[in-house]
Structure formats: C-alpha cells, structure tokens
C-alpha cells in the first residue's frame, strides 16, 4: 500500500491531511510515513514542553527524540481515552521525570563519595571474553545498520554527537532544513538503539 493511502479505504489522501488518530492507526502497522508526519507535526510543541522543564537545549533535544522513540515503538499504549497529542505529552512528561530522577540519583551518589575515592588507583574495569564477544557483535550490528543511512545523515550525526554543534549550524553546513536534521538524527539513533537491543 502506498504510504499516502488512507488506511482502510480506497481513496488516496496525503499523509499530511490525516487526523492524528489516523496517523496512530498507521503507526500501529509500522508505517514510518505516518510516524514521520506525526513527528513533523508535533516536534516543536513537545520540544518546547520539555525544554521548559529541563532548561537545557541539548537535553531537551535528546529527551524529545527519546519521547518520540517511545511513541513509535509502543503506539499500542495509546488507548484512545484521550487525544493522541495528550498521550504524547504524557509520554514526554514521563520521559522528563525519569531523566530528572536519574540526574538526582547520580548527584546524590556523587555527594556520598569521598573525594579521595573519585580518582582511586585501585578502581579497575575488567572485561571477560564474553563481554568482548558481545561488544564485537553489537558493533557489527550497528555498522550493518548504518550501511542503510545516506552519507549526509552520518555527517549530521557526527556533527551533533561528536562535535556537539547546534541544530541550526548543522542545517547550514549540510544545506538541509532543521526538521530534516532532527528527523535524520532520530533515524540514525533509532537504528543504533535497535541494533544494540537485538544483541
């Protein structure tokens, strides 16, 4: 079926004209076209919602992408008792709350550590042969996944996560829109996460 076809009907309509509920129905069948439209439609609003709570641009971008990853992977969590947008806000709220709890827990642990232990010469990380094998398999799966990604998308991922450049600057460098950059980052991250989860 064409990604622009209305689910359950013969008439062909652009995905952009579908109601949110119709987009969710498509996402539940695994349609990336329907998810991409939902992402495009609500990224800015969810990002603003999250940024107002974490007060950090980089964290807000990461948490927004994490929230939409949950939406794509678990659309069955939407029961229909509220609007799709309200459910996405709920996912975003939970994502932010989990992030804040993790941050507080890490801060509490650091506060409890004696200063002399922070750089202890006796702290050694050891790996077993099984750990090495698992890591090699995970890296191989990730490399295979990245073969499906366009070169400009890999460059975008490098600029964002290696050079830590803001979205606006990356968009200027690769001559793509901000939305295209965000969508690309989401796709590459999802591929890497899926490859890691399969090992």
C-alpha atoms as a PDB file:
ATOM      1  CA  UNK A   1       0.000   0.000   0.000  1.00  0.00           C
ATOM      2  CA  UNK A   2       1.254   3.461  -0.777  1.00  0.00           C
ATOM      3  CA  UNK A   3       2.368   5.412   2.317  1.00  0.00           C
ATOM      4  CA  UNK A   4      -0.059   8.132   1.254  1.00  0.00           C
ATOM      5  CA  UNK A   5      -3.038   5.802   1.105  1.00  0.00           C
ATOM      6  CA  UNK A   6      -5.697   6.166   3.740  1.00  0.00           C
ATOM      7  CA  UNK A   7      -5.799   3.103   5.967  1.00  0.00           C
ATOM      8  CA  UNK A   8      -8.879   1.006   5.485  1.00  0.00           C
ATOM      9  CA  UNK A   9     -10.145   2.887   2.466  1.00  0.00           C
ATOM     10  CA  UNK A  10      -9.700   3.013  -1.278  1.00  0.00           C
ATOM     11  CA  UNK A  11      -9.272   6.763  -1.525  1.00  0.00           C
ATOM     12  CA  UNK A  12      -5.724   8.040  -1.615  1.00  0.00           C
ATOM     13  CA  UNK A  13      -5.002  11.030   0.599  1.00  0.00           C
ATOM     14  CA  UNK A  14      -1.759  12.749   1.513  1.00  0.00           C
ATOM     15  CA  UNK A  15      -0.485  11.633   4.904  1.00  0.00           C
ATOM     16  CA  UNK A  16      -0.308  15.297   5.895  1.00  0.00           C
ATOM     17  CA  UNK A  17      -4.110  15.543   5.619  1.00  0.00           C
ATOM     18  CA  UNK A  18      -4.811  12.662   8.010  1.00  0.00           C
ATOM     19  CA  UNK A  19      -6.185  13.201  11.510  1.00  0.00           C
ATOM     20  CA  UNK A  20      -3.942  12.315  14.439  1.00  0.00           C
ATOM     21  CA  UNK A  21      -5.992   9.180  15.130  1.00  0.00           C
ATOM     22  CA  UNK A  22      -5.439   8.021  11.545  1.00  0.00           C
ATOM     23  CA  UNK A  23      -1.711   8.628  11.903  1.00  0.00           C
ATOM     24  CA  UNK A  24      -1.673   6.464  15.038  1.00  0.00           C
ATOM     25  CA  UNK A  25      -3.520   3.718  13.190  1.00  0.00           C
ATOM     26  CA  UNK A  26      -0.773   3.814  10.570  1.00  0.00           C
ATOM     27  CA  UNK A  27       1.989   3.819  13.174  1.00  0.00           C
ATOM     28  CA  UNK A  28       0.457   0.729  14.766  1.00  0.00           C
ATOM     29  CA  UNK A  29       1.009  -1.085  11.455  1.00  0.00           C
ATOM     30  CA  UNK A  30       4.661   0.032  11.425  1.00  0.00           C
ATOM     31  CA  UNK A  31       4.267   2.832   8.858  1.00  0.00           C
ATOM     32  CA  UNK A  32       7.234   5.204   9.037  1.00  0.00           C
ATOM     33  CA  UNK A  33       5.433   7.664   6.746  1.00  0.00           C
ATOM     34  CA  UNK A  34       2.659   8.090   9.307  1.00  0.00           C
ATOM     35  CA  UNK A  35       5.160   8.411  12.133  1.00  0.00           C
ATOM     36  CA  UNK A  36       7.251  10.957  10.209  1.00  0.00           C
ATOM     37  CA  UNK A  37       4.150  13.125   9.758  1.00  0.00           C
ATOM     38  CA  UNK A  38       3.288  12.918  13.454  1.00  0.00           C
ATOM     39  CA  UNK A  39       6.905  13.777  14.305  1.00  0.00           C
ATOM     40  CA  UNK A  40       6.880  16.756  11.926  1.00  0.00           C
ATOM     41  CA  UNK A  41       3.520  17.926  13.228  1.00  0.00           C
ATOM     42  CA  UNK A  42       4.346  17.945  16.932  1.00  0.00           C
ATOM     43  CA  UNK A  43       8.129  18.004  17.389  1.00  0.00           C
ATOM     44  CA  UNK A  44       8.254  21.750  18.088  1.00  0.00           C
ATOM     45  CA  UNK A  45       5.486  21.649  20.686  1.00  0.00           C
ATOM     46  CA  UNK A  46       6.884  18.638  22.528  1.00  0.00           C
ATOM     47  CA  UNK A  47      10.384  20.117  22.420  1.00  0.00           C
ATOM     48  CA  UNK A  48       9.125  23.391  23.944  1.00  0.00           C
ATOM     49  CA  UNK A  49       7.256  21.439  26.629  1.00  0.00           C
ATOM     50  CA  UNK A  50      10.390  19.504  27.574  1.00  0.00           C
ATOM     51  CA  UNK A  51      12.808  22.426  27.300  1.00  0.00           C
ATOM     52  CA  UNK A  52      10.716  24.425  29.769  1.00  0.00           C
ATOM     53  CA  UNK A  53      11.278  21.654  32.307  1.00  0.00           C
ATOM     54  CA  UNK A  54      14.940  20.772  31.823  1.00  0.00           C
ATOM     55  CA  UNK A  55      16.229  24.253  30.851  1.00  0.00           C
ATOM     56  CA  UNK A  56      18.930  22.739  28.665  1.00  0.00           C
ATOM     57  CA  UNK A  57      18.745  22.753  24.891  1.00  0.00           C
ATOM     58  CA  UNK A  58      20.821  19.637  24.251  1.00  0.00           C
ATOM     59  CA  UNK A  59      18.991  17.626  26.911  1.00  0.00           C
ATOM     60  CA  UNK A  60      15.650  18.838  25.551  1.00  0.00           C
ATOM     61  CA  UNK A  61      16.502  17.662  22.030  1.00  0.00           C
ATOM     62  CA  UNK A  62      17.638  14.269  23.295  1.00  0.00           C
ATOM     63  CA  UNK A  63      14.591  13.794  25.506  1.00  0.00           C
ATOM     64  CA  UNK A  64      12.227  14.862  22.715  1.00  0.00           C
ATOM     65  CA  UNK A  65      13.726  12.251  20.399  1.00  0.00           C
ATOM     66  CA  UNK A  66      13.553   9.685  23.188  1.00  0.00           C
ATOM     67  CA  UNK A  67       9.863  10.501  23.687  1.00  0.00           C
ATOM     68  CA  UNK A  68       9.073  10.024  20.009  1.00  0.00           C
ATOM     69  CA  UNK A  69      11.024   6.767  20.012  1.00  0.00           C
ATOM     70  CA  UNK A  70       8.615   5.519  22.687  1.00  0.00           C
ATOM     71  CA  UNK A  71       5.673   6.665  20.539  1.00  0.00           C
ATOM     72  CA  UNK A  72       6.969   4.731  17.523  1.00  0.00           C
ATOM     73  CA  UNK A  73       7.871   1.578  19.457  1.00  0.00           C
ATOM     74  CA  UNK A  74       4.786   1.427  21.678  1.00  0.00           C
ATOM     75  CA  UNK A  75       1.830   3.007  19.847  1.00  0.00           C
ATOM     76  CA  UNK A  76      -0.421   0.362  21.390  1.00  0.00           C
ATOM     77  CA  UNK A  77      -0.019   2.331  24.622  1.00  0.00           C
ATOM     78  CA  UNK A  78      -2.447   4.874  23.156  1.00  0.00           C
ATOM     79  CA  UNK A  79      -5.840   3.663  24.345  1.00  0.00           C
ATOM     80  CA  UNK A  80      -7.990   6.334  22.724  1.00  0.00           C
ATOM     81  CA  UNK A  81      -9.293   7.644  26.049  1.00  0.00           C
ATOM     82  CA  UNK A  82      -7.524  10.947  25.357  1.00  0.00           C
ATOM     83  CA  UNK A  83      -6.372  12.703  22.209  1.00  0.00           C
ATOM     84  CA  UNK A  84      -3.167  11.435  20.555  1.00  0.00           C
ATOM     85  CA  UNK A  85      -1.429  14.717  21.365  1.00  0.00           C
ATOM     86  CA  UNK A  86      -2.404  14.460  25.039  1.00  0.00           C
ATOM     87  CA  UNK A  87      -0.956  10.942  25.113  1.00  0.00           C
ATOM     88  CA  UNK A  88       2.307  12.152  23.523  1.00  0.00           C
ATOM     89  CA  UNK A  89       2.524  14.885  26.163  1.00  0.00           C
ATOM     90  CA  UNK A  90       2.106  12.178  28.797  1.00  0.00           C
ATOM     91  CA  UNK A  91       4.954  10.170  27.262  1.00  0.00           C
ATOM     92  CA  UNK A  92       7.111  13.308  27.225  1.00  0.00           C
ATOM     93  CA  UNK A  93       6.263  14.077  30.863  1.00  0.00           C
ATOM     94  CA  UNK A  94       7.248  10.566  31.928  1.00  0.00           C
ATOM     95  CA  UNK A  95      10.471  10.788  29.921  1.00  0.00           C
ATOM     96  CA  UNK A  96      11.398  14.082  31.585  1.00  0.00           C
ATOM     97  CA  UNK A  97      10.524  12.792  35.053  1.00  0.00           C
ATOM     98  CA  UNK A  98      12.683   9.694  34.527  1.00  0.00           C
ATOM     99  CA  UNK A  99      15.551  11.895  33.333  1.00  0.00           C
ATOM    100  CA  UNK A 100      15.268  14.173  36.361  1.00  0.00           C
ATOM    101  CA  UNK A 101      15.144  11.208  38.743  1.00  0.00           C
ATOM    102  CA  UNK A 102      18.276   9.729  37.155  1.00  0.00           C
ATOM    103  CA  UNK A 103      20.049  13.067  37.401  1.00  0.00           C
ATOM    104  CA  UNK A 104      19.131  13.463  41.071  1.00  0.00           C
ATOM    105  CA  UNK A 105      20.237   9.901  41.844  1.00  0.00           C
ATOM    106  CA  UNK A 106      23.606  10.462  40.159  1.00  0.00           C
ATOM    107  CA  UNK A 107      24.097  13.705  42.064  1.00  0.00           C
ATOM    108  CA  UNK A 108      23.225  12.018  45.364  1.00  0.00           C
ATOM    109  CA  UNK A 109      25.716   9.213  44.701  1.00  0.00           C
ATOM    110  CA  UNK A 110      28.498  11.684  43.909  1.00  0.00           C
ATOM    111  CA  UNK A 111      27.706  13.639  47.061  1.00  0.00           C
ATOM    112  CA  UNK A 112      28.154  10.457  49.113  1.00  0.00           C
ATOM    113  CA  UNK A 113      31.535   9.538  47.595  1.00  0.00           C
ATOM    114  CA  UNK A 114      34.621  10.611  49.496  1.00  0.00           C
ATOM    115  CA  UNK A 115      36.881  12.866  47.334  1.00  0.00           C
ATOM    116  CA  UNK A 116      39.849  10.510  47.625  1.00  0.00           C
ATOM    117  CA  UNK A 117      37.794   7.718  46.085  1.00  0.00           C
ATOM    118  CA  UNK A 118      36.916   9.631  42.938  1.00  0.00           C
ATOM    119  CA  UNK A 119      40.368   9.039  41.440  1.00  0.00           C
ATOM    120  CA  UNK A 120      41.277   5.831  43.200  1.00  0.00           C
ATOM    121  CA  UNK A 121      44.139   3.974  41.547  1.00  0.00           C
ATOM    122  CA  UNK A 122      42.526   0.727  42.661  1.00  0.00           C
ATOM    123  CA  UNK A 123      39.397   1.242  40.567  1.00  0.00           C
ATOM    124  CA  UNK A 124      39.866  -1.157  37.637  1.00  0.00           C
ATOM    125  CA  UNK A 125      37.326  -2.098  34.993  1.00  0.00           C
ATOM    126  CA  UNK A 126      37.768  -5.687  33.841  1.00  0.00           C
ATOM    127  CA  UNK A 127      36.085  -7.397  30.892  1.00  0.00           C
ATOM    128  CA  UNK A 128      35.572 -11.068  30.216  1.00  0.00           C
ATOM    129  CA  UNK A 129      35.975 -12.748  26.796  1.00  0.00           C
ATOM    130  CA  UNK A 130      32.172 -12.966  26.698  1.00  0.00           C
ATOM    131  CA  UNK A 131      31.971  -9.181  27.159  1.00  0.00           C
ATOM    132  CA  UNK A 132      34.387  -8.670  24.258  1.00  0.00           C
ATOM    133  CA  UNK A 133      32.413 -11.025  22.009  1.00  0.00           C
ATOM    134  CA  UNK A 134      29.135  -9.317  22.858  1.00  0.00           C
ATOM    135  CA  UNK A 135      30.663  -5.904  22.175  1.00  0.00           C
ATOM    136  CA  UNK A 136      32.071  -7.071  18.814  1.00  0.00           C
ATOM    137  CA  UNK A 137      28.658  -8.416  17.787  1.00  0.00           C
ATOM    138  CA  UNK A 138      26.918  -5.218  18.827  1.00  0.00           C
ATOM    139  CA  UNK A 139      29.387  -3.068  16.874  1.00  0.00           C
ATOM    140  CA  UNK A 140      28.988  -5.296  13.803  1.00  0.00           C
ATOM    141  CA  UNK A 141      25.193  -4.976  14.005  1.00  0.00           C
ATOM    142  CA  UNK A 142      25.480  -1.203  14.308  1.00  0.00           C
ATOM    143  CA  UNK A 143      27.828  -0.984  11.336  1.00  0.00           C
ATOM    144  CA  UNK A 144      25.425  -3.078   9.241  1.00  0.00           C
ATOM    145  CA  UNK A 145      22.519  -0.803  10.220  1.00  0.00           C
ATOM    146  CA  UNK A 146      24.458   2.319   9.263  1.00  0.00           C
ATOM    147  CA  UNK A 147      25.002   0.965   5.736  1.00  0.00           C
ATOM    148  CA  UNK A 148      21.369   1.920   5.052  1.00  0.00           C
ATOM    149  CA  UNK A 149      21.982   5.549   6.033  1.00  0.00           C
ATOM    150  CA  UNK A 150      22.862   8.268   3.499  1.00  0.00           C
ATOM    151  CA  UNK A 151      26.334   9.842   3.867  1.00  0.00           C
ATOM    152  CA  UNK A 152      24.869  13.249   4.740  1.00  0.00           C
ATOM    153  CA  UNK A 153      22.899  11.666   7.594  1.00  0.00           C
ATOM    154  CA  UNK A 154      26.070  10.135   9.032  1.00  0.00           C
ATOM    155  CA  UNK A 155      27.726  13.533   8.784  1.00  0.00           C
ATOM    156  CA  UNK A 156      24.788  15.110  10.622  1.00  0.00           C
ATOM    157  CA  UNK A 157      25.091  12.522  13.390  1.00  0.00           C
ATOM    158  CA  UNK A 158      28.848  13.167  13.672  1.00  0.00           C
ATOM    159  CA  UNK A 159      28.412  16.941  13.801  1.00  0.00           C
ATOM    160  CA  UNK A 160      25.763  16.654  16.514  1.00  0.00           C
ATOM    161  CA  UNK A 161      27.201  13.959  18.746  1.00  0.00           C
ATOM    162  CA  UNK A 162      30.949  14.263  18.148  1.00  0.00           C
ATOM    163  CA  UNK A 163      31.398  17.979  17.532  1.00  0.00           C
ATOM    164  CA  UNK A 164      28.325  18.911  19.621  1.00  0.00           C
ATOM    165  CA  UNK A 165      27.105  21.508  17.129  1.00  0.00           C
ATOM    166  CA  UNK A 166      23.605  23.019  17.449  1.00  0.00           C
ATOM    167  CA  UNK A 167      20.867  22.028  15.009  1.00  0.00           C
ATOM    168  CA  UNK A 168      20.884  25.442  13.275  1.00  0.00           C
ATOM    169  CA  UNK A 169      24.585  25.286  12.480  1.00  0.00           C
ATOM    170  CA  UNK A 170      24.379  21.700  11.234  1.00  0.00           C
ATOM    171  CA  UNK A 171      21.463  22.632   8.970  1.00  0.00           C
ATOM    172  CA  UNK A 172      23.561  25.411   7.445  1.00  0.00           C
ATOM    173  CA  UNK A 173      26.556  23.155   6.888  1.00  0.00           C
ATOM    174  CA  UNK A 174      24.691  20.369   5.113  1.00  0.00           C
ATOM    175  CA  UNK A 175      22.136  22.684   3.479  1.00  0.00           C
ATOM    176  CA  UNK A 176      19.084  20.952   4.912  1.00  0.00           C
ATOM    177  CA  UNK A 177      16.148  22.204   6.969  1.00  0.00           C
ATOM    178  CA  UNK A 178      16.117  21.988  10.763  1.00  0.00           C
ATOM    179  CA  UNK A 179      13.281  19.473  10.545  1.00  0.00           C
ATOM    180  CA  UNK A 180      15.342  17.311   8.174  1.00  0.00           C
ATOM    181  CA  UNK A 181      18.261  17.411  10.617  1.00  0.00           C
ATOM    182  CA  UNK A 182      16.082  16.386  13.574  1.00  0.00           C
ATOM    183  CA  UNK A 183      14.434  13.619  11.577  1.00  0.00           C
ATOM    184  CA  UNK A 184      17.826  12.340  10.423  1.00  0.00           C
ATOM    185  CA  UNK A 185      19.206  12.315  13.963  1.00  0.00           C
ATOM    186  CA  UNK A 186      16.152  10.405  15.132  1.00  0.00           C
ATOM    187  CA  UNK A 187      16.502   7.796  12.362  1.00  0.00           C
ATOM    188  CA  UNK A 188      20.203   7.146  12.957  1.00  0.00           C
ATOM    189  CA  UNK A 189      19.738   6.972  16.724  1.00  0.00           C
ATOM    190  CA  UNK A 190      16.843   4.557  16.361  1.00  0.00           C
ATOM    191  CA  UNK A 191      18.883   2.308  14.069  1.00  0.00           C
ATOM    192  CA  UNK A 192      21.726   2.226  16.583  1.00  0.00           C
ATOM    193  CA  UNK A 193      19.385   1.573  19.506  1.00  0.00           C
ATOM    194  CA  UNK A 194      17.617  -1.227  17.637  1.00  0.00           C
ATOM    195  CA  UNK A 195      20.930  -2.820  16.636  1.00  0.00           C
ATOM    196  CA  UNK A 196      22.145  -2.703  20.227  1.00  0.00           C
ATOM    197  CA  UNK A 197      18.886  -4.118  21.588  1.00  0.00           C
ATOM    198  CA  UNK A 198      18.991  -7.086  19.219  1.00  0.00           C
ATOM    199  CA  UNK A 199      22.305  -8.366  20.517  1.00  0.00           C
END
